[in-house]
């Protein structure tokens, strides 16, 4: 499985989990360190919009890395999606930057 396919499958799995949790998702047009933005749809409440940038790392097996380039996004979450080729074994871990 090529790396682009791994990333596509991982992103879709992460999006599915976030939507199931009641969050909404926005996808940036350009990838400049943020793969997606998760936010709550609070239209029934008087609250300012707050989104959370997410950088996603997908892999066929457990893999963990942190790059200094993400330090420029102080509120960035890094989501690791492991075992993307095995839907029943997929694991997702999210860390604050």
PDB file of N, CA and C in Angstrom:
ATOM      1  N   UNK A   1       0.862  -1.177   0.000  1.00  0.00           N
ATOM      2  CA  UNK A   1       0.000   0.000   0.000  1.00  0.00           C
ATOM      3  C   UNK A   1       0.902   1.232   0.000  1.00  0.00           C
ATOM      4  N   UNK A   2       0.680   2.164  -0.944  1.00  0.00           N
ATOM      5  CA  UNK A   2       1.552   3.341  -1.013  1.00  0.00           C
ATOM      6  C   UNK A   2       1.196   4.365   0.073  1.00  0.00           C
ATOM      7  N   UNK A   3       2.122   5.282   0.325  1.00  0.00           N
ATOM      8  CA  UNK A   3       1.971   6.232   1.428  1.00  0.00           C
ATOM      9  C   UNK A   3       0.772   7.168   1.262  1.00  0.00           C
ATOM     10  N   UNK A   4       0.441   7.534   0.025  1.00  0.00           N
ATOM     11  CA  UNK A   4      -0.725   8.396  -0.186  1.00  0.00           C
ATOM     12  C   UNK A   4      -2.006   7.678   0.201  1.00  0.00           C
ATOM     13  N   UNK A   5      -2.105   6.409  -0.136  1.00  0.00           N
ATOM     14  CA  UNK A   5      -3.288   5.627   0.219  1.00  0.00           C
ATOM     15  C   UNK A   5      -3.393   5.461   1.731  1.00  0.00           C
ATOM     16  N   UNK A   6      -2.271   5.231   2.382  1.00  0.00           N
ATOM     17  CA  UNK A   6      -2.250   5.125   3.844  1.00  0.00           C
ATOM     18  C   UNK A   6      -2.769   6.424   4.459  1.00  0.00           C
ATOM     19  N   UNK A   7      -2.319   7.561   3.938  1.00  0.00           N
ATOM     20  CA  UNK A   7      -2.759   8.861   4.464  1.00  0.00           C
ATOM     21  C   UNK A   7      -4.252   9.087   4.224  1.00  0.00           C
ATOM     22  N   UNK A   8      -4.733   8.750   3.044  1.00  0.00           N
ATOM     23  CA  UNK A   8      -6.156   8.928   2.726  1.00  0.00           C
ATOM     24  C   UNK A   8      -7.018   8.080   3.652  1.00  0.00           C
ATOM     25  N   UNK A   9      -6.661   6.817   3.818  1.00  0.00           N
ATOM     26  CA  UNK A   9      -7.439   5.927   4.681  1.00  0.00           C
ATOM     27  C   UNK A   9      -7.392   6.417   6.126  1.00  0.00           C
ATOM     28  N   UNK A  10      -6.211   6.812   6.593  1.00  0.00           N
ATOM     29  CA  UNK A  10      -6.076   7.318   7.960  1.00  0.00           C
ATOM     30  C   UNK A  10      -6.896   8.568   8.193  1.00  0.00           C
ATOM     31  N   UNK A  11      -6.869   9.497   7.239  1.00  0.00           N
ATOM     32  CA  UNK A  11      -7.633  10.739   7.379  1.00  0.00           C
ATOM     33  C   UNK A  11      -9.131  10.450   7.454  1.00  0.00           C
ATOM     34  N   UNK A  12      -9.602   9.561   6.585  1.00  0.00           N
ATOM     35  CA  UNK A  12     -11.033   9.240   6.582  1.00  0.00           C
ATOM     36  C   UNK A  12     -11.459   8.560   7.887  1.00  0.00           C
ATOM     37  N   UNK A  13     -10.601   7.719   8.419  1.00  0.00           N
ATOM     38  CA  UNK A  13     -10.920   7.054   9.695  1.00  0.00           C
ATOM     39  C   UNK A  13     -10.970   8.068  10.825  1.00  0.00           C
ATOM     40  N   UNK A  14     -10.001   8.989  10.852  1.00  0.00           N
ATOM     41  CA  UNK A  14      -9.982  10.031  11.878  1.00  0.00           C
ATOM     42  C   UNK A  14     -11.215  10.913  11.757  1.00  0.00           C
ATOM     43  N   UNK A  15     -11.558  11.328  10.547  1.00  0.00           N
ATOM     44  CA  UNK A  15     -12.748  12.155  10.329  1.00  0.00           C
ATOM     45  C   UNK A  15     -13.993  11.425  10.811  1.00  0.00           C
ATOM     46  N   UNK A  16     -14.101  10.152  10.497  1.00  0.00           N
ATOM     47  CA  UNK A  16     -15.252   9.358  10.925  1.00  0.00           C
ATOM     48  C   UNK A  16     -15.385   9.347  12.449  1.00  0.00           C
ATOM     49  N   UNK A  17     -14.286   9.165  13.142  1.00  0.00           N
ATOM     50  CA  UNK A  17     -14.313   9.144  14.610  1.00  0.00           C
ATOM     51  C   UNK A  17     -14.687  10.515  15.180  1.00  0.00           C
ATOM     52  N   UNK A  18     -14.163  11.586  14.603  1.00  0.00           N
ATOM     53  CA  UNK A  18     -14.492  12.930  15.089  1.00  0.00           C
ATOM     54  C   UNK A  18     -15.955  13.267  14.850  1.00  0.00           C
ATOM     55  N   UNK A  19     -16.470  12.900  13.682  1.00  0.00           N
ATOM     56  CA  UNK A  19     -17.892  13.124  13.399  1.00  0.00           C
ATOM     57  C   UNK A  19     -18.776  12.324  14.344  1.00  0.00           C
ATOM     58  N   UNK A  20     -18.387  11.092  14.616  1.00  0.00           N
ATOM     59  CA  UNK A  20     -19.140  10.246  15.552  1.00  0.00           C
ATOM     60  C   UNK A  20     -19.160  10.861  16.949  1.00  0.00           C
ATOM     61  N   UNK A  21     -18.098  11.561  17.308  1.00  0.00           N
ATOM     62  CA  UNK A  21     -18.007  12.227  18.613  1.00  0.00           C
ATOM     63  C   UNK A  21     -18.783  13.539  18.658  1.00  0.00           C
ATOM     64  N   UNK A  22     -19.420  13.911  17.546  1.00  0.00           N
ATOM     65  CA  UNK A  22     -20.237  15.124  17.520  1.00  0.00           C
ATOM     66  C   UNK A  22     -19.515  16.373  17.072  1.00  0.00           C
ATOM     67  N   UNK A  23     -18.320  16.232  16.546  1.00  0.00           N
ATOM     68  CA  UNK A  23     -17.574  17.387  16.062  1.00  0.00           C
ATOM     69  C   UNK A  23     -17.778  17.561  14.563  1.00  0.00           C
ATOM     70  N   UNK A  24     -17.494  18.742  14.079  1.00  0.00           N
ATOM     71  CA  UNK A  24     -17.520  19.036  12.648  1.00  0.00           C
ATOM     72  C   UNK A  24     -16.086  19.147  12.171  1.00  0.00           C
ATOM     73  N   UNK A  25     -15.891  19.005  10.865  1.00  0.00           N
ATOM     74  CA  UNK A  25     -14.548  18.990  10.297  1.00  0.00           C
ATOM     75  C   UNK A  25     -14.461  19.964   9.132  1.00  0.00           C
ATOM     76  N   UNK A  26     -13.369  20.701   9.064  1.00  0.00           N
ATOM     77  CA  UNK A  26     -13.045  21.535   7.908  1.00  0.00           C
ATOM     78  C   UNK A  26     -11.688  21.078   7.388  1.00  0.00           C
ATOM     79  N   UNK A  27     -11.565  20.999   6.066  1.00  0.00           N
ATOM     80  CA  UNK A  27     -10.312  20.574   5.446  1.00  0.00           C
ATOM     81  C   UNK A  27      -9.654  21.767   4.767  1.00  0.00           C
ATOM     82  N   UNK A  28      -8.448  22.154   5.201  1.00  0.00           N
ATOM     83  CA  UNK A  28      -7.729  23.246   4.547  1.00  0.00           C
ATOM     84  C   UNK A  28      -7.436  22.895   3.084  1.00  0.00           C
ATOM     85  N   UNK A  29      -7.455  23.875   2.225  1.00  0.00           N
ATOM     86  CA  UNK A  29      -7.141  23.662   0.816  1.00  0.00           C
ATOM     87  C   UNK A  29      -5.671  23.288   0.656  1.00  0.00           C
ATOM     88  N   UNK A  30      -4.796  23.965   1.394  1.00  0.00           N
ATOM     89  CA  UNK A  30      -3.360  23.693   1.315  1.00  0.00           C
ATOM     90  C   UNK A  30      -2.887  23.048   2.609  1.00  0.00           C
ATOM     91  N   UNK A  31      -1.928  22.141   2.500  1.00  0.00           N
ATOM     92  CA  UNK A  31      -1.344  21.507   3.685  1.00  0.00           C
ATOM     93  C   UNK A  31      -0.084  22.273   4.064  1.00  0.00           C
ATOM     94  N   UNK A  32      -0.229  23.098   5.108  1.00  0.00           N
ATOM     95  CA  UNK A  32       0.914  23.870   5.601  1.00  0.00           C
ATOM     96  C   UNK A  32       1.199  23.504   7.047  1.00  0.00           C
ATOM     97  N   UNK A  33       0.904  22.244   7.381  1.00  0.00           N
ATOM     98  CA  UNK A  33       1.135  21.771   8.744  1.00  0.00           C
ATOM     99  C   UNK A  33      -0.145  21.439   9.481  1.00  0.00           C
ATOM    100  N   UNK A  34      -1.285  21.759   8.878  1.00  0.00           N
ATOM    101  CA  UNK A  34      -2.584  21.440   9.475  1.00  0.00           C
ATOM    102  C   UNK A  34      -3.359  20.607   8.463  1.00  0.00           C
ATOM    103  N   UNK A  35      -3.710  19.383   8.846  1.00  0.00           N
ATOM    104  CA  UNK A  35      -4.438  18.498   7.941  1.00  0.00           C
ATOM    105  C   UNK A  35      -5.944  18.711   7.994  1.00  0.00           C
ATOM    106  N   UNK A  36      -6.449  19.064   9.173  1.00  0.00           N
ATOM    107  CA  UNK A  36      -7.878  19.342   9.296  1.00  0.00           C
ATOM    108  C   UNK A  36      -8.123  20.211  10.513  1.00  0.00           C
ATOM    109  N   UNK A  37      -9.298  20.792  10.566  1.00  0.00           N
ATOM    110  CA  UNK A  37      -9.693  21.617  11.697  1.00  0.00           C
ATOM    111  C   UNK A  37     -10.963  21.010  12.267  1.00  0.00           C
ATOM    112  N   UNK A  38     -10.928  20.676  13.544  1.00  0.00           N
ATOM    113  CA  UNK A  38     -12.102  20.125  14.226  1.00  0.00           C
ATOM    114  C   UNK A  38     -12.765  21.254  15.012  1.00  0.00           C
ATOM    115  N   UNK A  39     -14.097  21.291  14.959  1.00  0.00           N
ATOM    116  CA  UNK A  39     -14.814  22.317  15.713  1.00  0.00           C
ATOM    117  C   UNK A  39     -16.188  21.798  16.102  1.00  0.00           C
ATOM    118  N   UNK A  40     -16.772  22.434  17.118  1.00  0.00           N
ATOM    119  CA  UNK A  40     -18.108  22.057  17.581  1.00  0.00           C
ATOM    120  C   UNK A  40     -19.128  22.979  16.929  1.00  0.00           C
ATOM    121  N   UNK A  41     -20.234  22.412  16.511  1.00  0.00           N
ATOM    122  CA  UNK A  41     -21.327  23.201  15.937  1.00  0.00           C
ATOM    123  C   UNK A  41     -22.221  23.634  17.086  1.00  0.00           C
ATOM    124  N   UNK A  42     -22.040  24.874  17.528  1.00  0.00           N
ATOM    125  CA  UNK A  42     -22.747  25.385  18.703  1.00  0.00           C
ATOM    126  C   UNK A  42     -23.774  26.441  18.316  1.00  0.00           C
ATOM    127  N   UNK A  43     -24.484  26.213  17.234  1.00  0.00           N
ATOM    128  CA  UNK A  43     -25.415  27.227  16.739  1.00  0.00           C
ATOM    129  C   UNK A  43     -26.538  27.559  17.714  1.00  0.00           C
ATOM    130  N   UNK A  44     -26.846  26.652  18.662  1.00  0.00           N
ATOM    131  CA  UNK A  44     -27.907  26.912  19.639  1.00  0.00           C
ATOM    132  C   UNK A  44     -27.389  27.647  20.866  1.00  0.00           C
ATOM    133  N   UNK A  45     -26.109  27.935  20.909  1.00  0.00           N
ATOM    134  CA  UNK A  45     -25.515  28.606  22.053  1.00  0.00           C
ATOM    135  C   UNK A  45     -24.841  29.893  21.595  1.00  0.00           C
ATOM    136  N   UNK A  46     -24.718  30.830  22.510  1.00  0.00           N
ATOM    137  CA  UNK A  46     -24.034  32.081  22.195  1.00  0.00           C
ATOM    138  C   UNK A  46     -22.562  31.901  22.582  1.00  0.00           C
ATOM    139  N   UNK A  47     -21.784  31.411  21.644  1.00  0.00           N
ATOM    140  CA  UNK A  47     -20.366  31.142  21.883  1.00  0.00           C
ATOM    141  C   UNK A  47     -19.602  31.541  20.633  1.00  0.00           C
ATOM    142  N   UNK A  48     -18.427  32.097  20.817  1.00  0.00           N
ATOM    143  CA  UNK A  48     -17.587  32.407  19.676  1.00  0.00           C
ATOM    144  C   UNK A  48     -17.085  31.111  19.053  1.00  0.00           C
ATOM    145  N   UNK A  49     -16.852  31.149  17.751  1.00  0.00           N
ATOM    146  CA  UNK A  49     -16.319  29.992  17.045  1.00  0.00           C
ATOM    147  C   UNK A  49     -14.929  29.671  17.556  1.00  0.00           C
ATOM    148  N   UNK A  50     -14.690  28.409  17.842  1.00  0.00           N
ATOM    149  CA  UNK A  50     -13.372  27.948  18.228  1.00  0.00           C
ATOM    150  C   UNK A  50     -13.071  26.663  17.483  1.00  0.00           C
ATOM    151  N   UNK A  51     -11.997  26.684  16.730  1.00  0.00           N
ATOM    152  CA  UNK A  51     -11.573  25.491  16.014  1.00  0.00           C
ATOM    153  C   UNK A  51     -10.251  24.999  16.566  1.00  0.00           C
ATOM    154  N   UNK A  52      -9.973  23.746  16.319  1.00  0.00           N
ATOM    155  CA  UNK A  52      -8.724  23.157  16.787  1.00  0.00           C
ATOM    156  C   UNK A  52      -7.998  22.536  15.602  1.00  0.00           C
ATOM    157  N   UNK A  53      -6.787  23.005  15.291  1.00  0.00           N
ATOM    158  CA  UNK A  53      -6.038  22.430  14.180  1.00  0.00           C
ATOM    159  C   UNK A  53      -5.504  21.044  14.541  1.00  0.00           C
ATOM    160  N   UNK A  54      -5.528  20.155  13.550  1.00  0.00           N
ATOM    161  CA  UNK A  54      -5.080  18.778  13.764  1.00  0.00           C
ATOM    162  C   UNK A  54      -4.106  18.388  12.654  1.00  0.00           C
ATOM    163  N   UNK A  55      -2.977  17.846  13.051  1.00  0.00           N
ATOM    164  CA  UNK A  55      -2.016  17.244  12.123  1.00  0.00           C
ATOM    165  C   UNK A  55      -2.149  15.735  12.302  1.00  0.00           C
ATOM    166  N   UNK A  56      -2.352  15.014  11.209  1.00  0.00           N
ATOM    167  CA  UNK A  56      -2.580  13.581  11.273  1.00  0.00           C
ATOM    168  C   UNK A  56      -1.392  12.824  10.717  1.00  0.00           C
ATOM    169  N   UNK A  57      -0.991  11.772  11.430  1.00  0.00           N
ATOM    170  CA  UNK A  57       0.069  10.872  10.986  1.00  0.00           C
ATOM    171  C   UNK A  57      -0.538   9.475  10.906  1.00  0.00           C
ATOM    172  N   UNK A  58      -0.614   8.912   9.715  1.00  0.00           N
ATOM    173  CA  UNK A  58      -1.194   7.582   9.525  1.00  0.00           C
ATOM    174  C   UNK A  58      -0.081   6.591   9.197  1.00  0.00           C
ATOM    175  N   UNK A  59      -0.256   5.350   9.656  1.00  0.00           N
ATOM    176  CA  UNK A  59       0.772   4.329   9.414  1.00  0.00           C
ATOM    177  C   UNK A  59       0.147   2.935   9.391  1.00  0.00           C
ATOM    178  N   UNK A  60       0.850   2.031   8.734  1.00  0.00           N
ATOM    179  CA  UNK A  60       0.399   0.637   8.675  1.00  0.00           C
ATOM    180  C   UNK A  60       0.620  -0.094   9.992  1.00  0.00           C
ATOM    181  N   UNK A  61       1.535   0.409  10.811  1.00  0.00           N
ATOM    182  CA  UNK A  61       1.798  -0.178  12.129  1.00  0.00           C
ATOM    183  C   UNK A  61       2.071   0.967  13.109  1.00  0.00           C
ATOM    184  N   UNK A  62       2.313   0.636  14.348  1.00  0.00           N
ATOM    185  CA  UNK A  62       2.581   1.660  15.357  1.00  0.00           C
ATOM    186  C   UNK A  62       3.821   2.452  14.971  1.00  0.00           C
ATOM    187  N   UNK A  63       3.687   3.760  14.935  1.00  0.00           N
ATOM    188  CA  UNK A  63       4.790   4.639  14.548  1.00  0.00           C
ATOM    189  C   UNK A  63       4.588   5.977  15.240  1.00  0.00           C
ATOM    190  N   UNK A  64       5.631   6.475  15.868  1.00  0.00           N
ATOM    191  CA  UNK A  64       5.509   7.710  16.634  1.00  0.00           C
ATOM    192  C   UNK A  64       6.671   8.626  16.316  1.00  0.00           C
ATOM    193  N   UNK A  65       6.369   9.885  16.004  1.00  0.00           N
ATOM    194  CA  UNK A  65       7.402  10.888  15.783  1.00  0.00           C
ATOM    195  C   UNK A  65       6.813  12.265  16.010  1.00  0.00           C
ATOM    196  N   UNK A  66       7.663  13.192  16.382  1.00  0.00           N
ATOM    197  CA  UNK A  66       7.258  14.592  16.556  1.00  0.00           C
ATOM    198  C   UNK A  66       8.304  15.442  15.851  1.00  0.00           C
ATOM    199  N   UNK A  67       7.855  16.369  15.038  1.00  0.00           N
ATOM    200  CA  UNK A  67       8.768  17.234  14.307  1.00  0.00           C
ATOM    201  C   UNK A  67       8.686  18.642  14.894  1.00  0.00           C
ATOM    202  N   UNK A  68       9.824  19.287  15.047  1.00  0.00           N
ATOM    203  CA  UNK A  68       9.876  20.648  15.611  1.00  0.00           C
ATOM    204  C   UNK A  68       9.070  21.657  14.789  1.00  0.00           C
ATOM    205  N   UNK A  69       8.867  21.374  13.509  1.00  0.00           N
ATOM    206  CA  UNK A  69       8.165  22.346  12.662  1.00  0.00           C
ATOM    207  C   UNK A  69       6.734  22.598  13.119  1.00  0.00           C
ATOM    208  N   UNK A  70       6.175  21.690  13.905  1.00  0.00           N
ATOM    209  CA  UNK A  70       4.801  21.882  14.379  1.00  0.00           C
ATOM    210  C   UNK A  70       4.713  22.789  15.602  1.00  0.00           C
ATOM    211  N   UNK A  71       5.843  23.195  16.146  1.00  0.00           N
ATOM    212  CA  UNK A  71       5.865  24.078  17.314  1.00  0.00           C
ATOM    213  C   UNK A  71       5.254  25.442  16.998  1.00  0.00           C
ATOM    214  N   UNK A  72       5.201  25.817  15.724  1.00  0.00           N
ATOM    215  CA  UNK A  72       4.648  27.133  15.367  1.00  0.00           C
ATOM    216  C   UNK A  72       3.124  27.187  15.511  1.00  0.00           C
ATOM    217  N   UNK A  73       2.500  26.040  15.771  1.00  0.00           N
ATOM    218  CA  UNK A  73       1.055  25.976  16.006  1.00  0.00           C
ATOM    219  C   UNK A  73       0.827  25.605  17.468  1.00  0.00           C
ATOM    220  N   UNK A  74       0.712  26.595  18.370  1.00  0.00           N
ATOM    221  CA  UNK A  74       0.644  26.306  19.806  1.00  0.00           C
ATOM    222  C   UNK A  74      -0.542  25.440  20.233  1.00  0.00           C
ATOM    223  N   UNK A  75      -1.639  25.461  19.525  1.00  0.00           N
ATOM    224  CA  UNK A  75      -2.800  24.662  19.937  1.00  0.00           C
ATOM    225  C   UNK A  75      -3.005  23.432  19.052  1.00  0.00           C
ATOM    226  N   UNK A  76      -1.993  23.062  18.299  1.00  0.00           N
ATOM    227  CA  UNK A  76      -2.095  21.942  17.377  1.00  0.00           C
ATOM    228  C   UNK A  76      -2.227  20.606  18.114  1.00  0.00           C
ATOM    229  N   UNK A  77      -3.168  19.786  17.653  1.00  0.00           N
ATOM    230  CA  UNK A  77      -3.262  18.407  18.114  1.00  0.00           C
ATOM    231  C   UNK A  77      -2.615  17.527  17.057  1.00  0.00           C
ATOM    232  N   UNK A  78      -1.887  16.516  17.501  1.00  0.00           N
ATOM    233  CA  UNK A  78      -1.288  15.564  16.573  1.00  0.00           C
ATOM    234  C   UNK A  78      -1.984  14.228  16.778  1.00  0.00           C
ATOM    235  N   UNK A  79      -2.620  13.746  15.713  1.00  0.00           N
ATOM    236  CA  UNK A  79      -3.364  12.487  15.772  1.00  0.00           C
ATOM    237  C   UNK A  79      -2.576  11.404  15.051  1.00  0.00           C
ATOM    238  N   UNK A  80      -2.328  10.319  15.741  1.00  0.00           N
ATOM    239  CA  UNK A  80      -1.643   9.162  15.158  1.00  0.00           C
ATOM    240  C   UNK A  80      -2.692   8.092  14.881  1.00  0.00           C
ATOM    241  N   UNK A  81      -2.787   7.677  13.628  1.00  0.00           N
ATOM    242  CA  UNK A  81      -3.735   6.639  13.231  1.00  0.00           C
ATOM    243  C   UNK A  81      -2.895   5.445  12.783  1.00  0.00           C
ATOM    244  N   UNK A  82      -2.944   4.366  13.564  1.00  0.00           N
ATOM    245  CA  UNK A  82      -2.113   3.192  13.326  1.00  0.00           C
ATOM    246  C   UNK A  82      -2.933   2.026  12.787  1.00  0.00           C
ATOM    247  N   UNK A  83      -2.293   1.157  12.067  1.00  0.00           N
ATOM    248  CA  UNK A  83      -2.891  -0.079  11.524  1.00  0.00           C
ATOM    249  C   UNK A  83      -4.057   0.243  10.588  1.00  0.00           C
ATOM    250  N   UNK A  84      -3.854   1.194   9.689  1.00  0.00           N
ATOM    251  CA  UNK A  84      -4.948   1.634   8.816  1.00  0.00           C
ATOM    252  C   UNK A  84      -5.404   0.561   7.829  1.00  0.00           C
ATOM    253  N   UNK A  85      -4.555  -0.427   7.544  1.00  0.00           N
ATOM    254  CA  UNK A  85      -4.948  -1.479   6.594  1.00  0.00           C
ATOM    255  C   UNK A  85      -5.806  -2.562   7.249  1.00  0.00           C
ATOM    256  N   UNK A  86      -5.945  -2.509   8.570  1.00  0.00           N
ATOM    257  CA  UNK A  86      -6.750  -3.479   9.312  1.00  0.00           C
ATOM    258  C   UNK A  86      -7.836  -2.730  10.078  1.00  0.00           C
ATOM    259  N   UNK A  87      -9.004  -2.492   9.467  1.00  0.00           N
ATOM    260  CA  UNK A  87     -10.044  -1.685  10.110  1.00  0.00           C
ATOM    261  C   UNK A  87     -10.388  -2.103  11.541  1.00  0.00           C
ATOM    262  N   UNK A  88     -10.394  -3.377  11.826  1.00  0.00           N
ATOM    263  CA  UNK A  88     -10.715  -3.831  13.176  1.00  0.00           C
ATOM    264  C   UNK A  88      -9.613  -3.582  14.186  1.00  0.00           C
ATOM    265  N   UNK A  89      -8.400  -3.341  13.707  1.00  0.00           N
ATOM    266  CA  UNK A  89      -7.253  -3.132  14.587  1.00  0.00           C
ATOM    267  C   UNK A  89      -6.776  -1.687  14.623  1.00  0.00           C
ATOM    268  N   UNK A  90      -7.434  -0.805  13.886  1.00  0.00           N
ATOM    269  CA  UNK A  90      -6.989   0.591  13.826  1.00  0.00           C
ATOM    270  C   UNK A  90      -7.046   1.228  15.210  1.00  0.00           C
ATOM    271  N   UNK A  91      -5.979   1.948  15.556  1.00  0.00           N
ATOM    272  CA  UNK A  91      -5.894   2.666  16.823  1.00  0.00           C
ATOM    273  C   UNK A  91      -5.645   4.136  16.514  1.00  0.00           C
ATOM    274  N   UNK A  92      -6.267   5.025  17.289  1.00  0.00           N
ATOM    275  CA  UNK A  92      -6.068   6.459  17.131  1.00  0.00           C
ATOM    276  C   UNK A  92      -5.670   7.057  18.468  1.00  0.00           C
ATOM    277  N   UNK A  93      -4.563   7.779  18.464  1.00  0.00           N
ATOM    278  CA  UNK A  93      -4.072   8.480  19.655  1.00  0.00           C
ATOM    279  C   UNK A  93      -3.891   9.942  19.298  1.00  0.00           C
ATOM    280  N   UNK A  94      -4.319  10.831  20.183  1.00  0.00           N
ATOM    281  CA  UNK A  94      -4.215  12.265  19.926  1.00  0.00           C
ATOM    282  C   UNK A  94      -3.439  12.911  21.071  1.00  0.00           C
ATOM    283  N   UNK A  95      -2.437  13.715  20.695  1.00  0.00           N
ATOM    284  CA  UNK A  95      -1.597  14.400  21.660  1.00  0.00           C
ATOM    285  C   UNK A  95      -1.625  15.896  21.412  1.00  0.00           C
ATOM    286  N   UNK A  96      -1.574  16.675  22.502  1.00  0.00           N
ATOM    287  CA  UNK A  96      -1.453  18.124  22.375  1.00  0.00           C
ATOM    288  C   UNK A  96      -0.001  18.456  22.119  1.00  0.00           C
ATOM    289  N   UNK A  97       0.214  19.417  21.240  1.00  0.00           N
ATOM    290  CA  UNK A  97       1.572  19.828  20.864  1.00  0.00           C
ATOM    291  C   UNK A  97       2.198  20.616  21.986  1.00  0.00           C
TER     292      UNK A  97
END
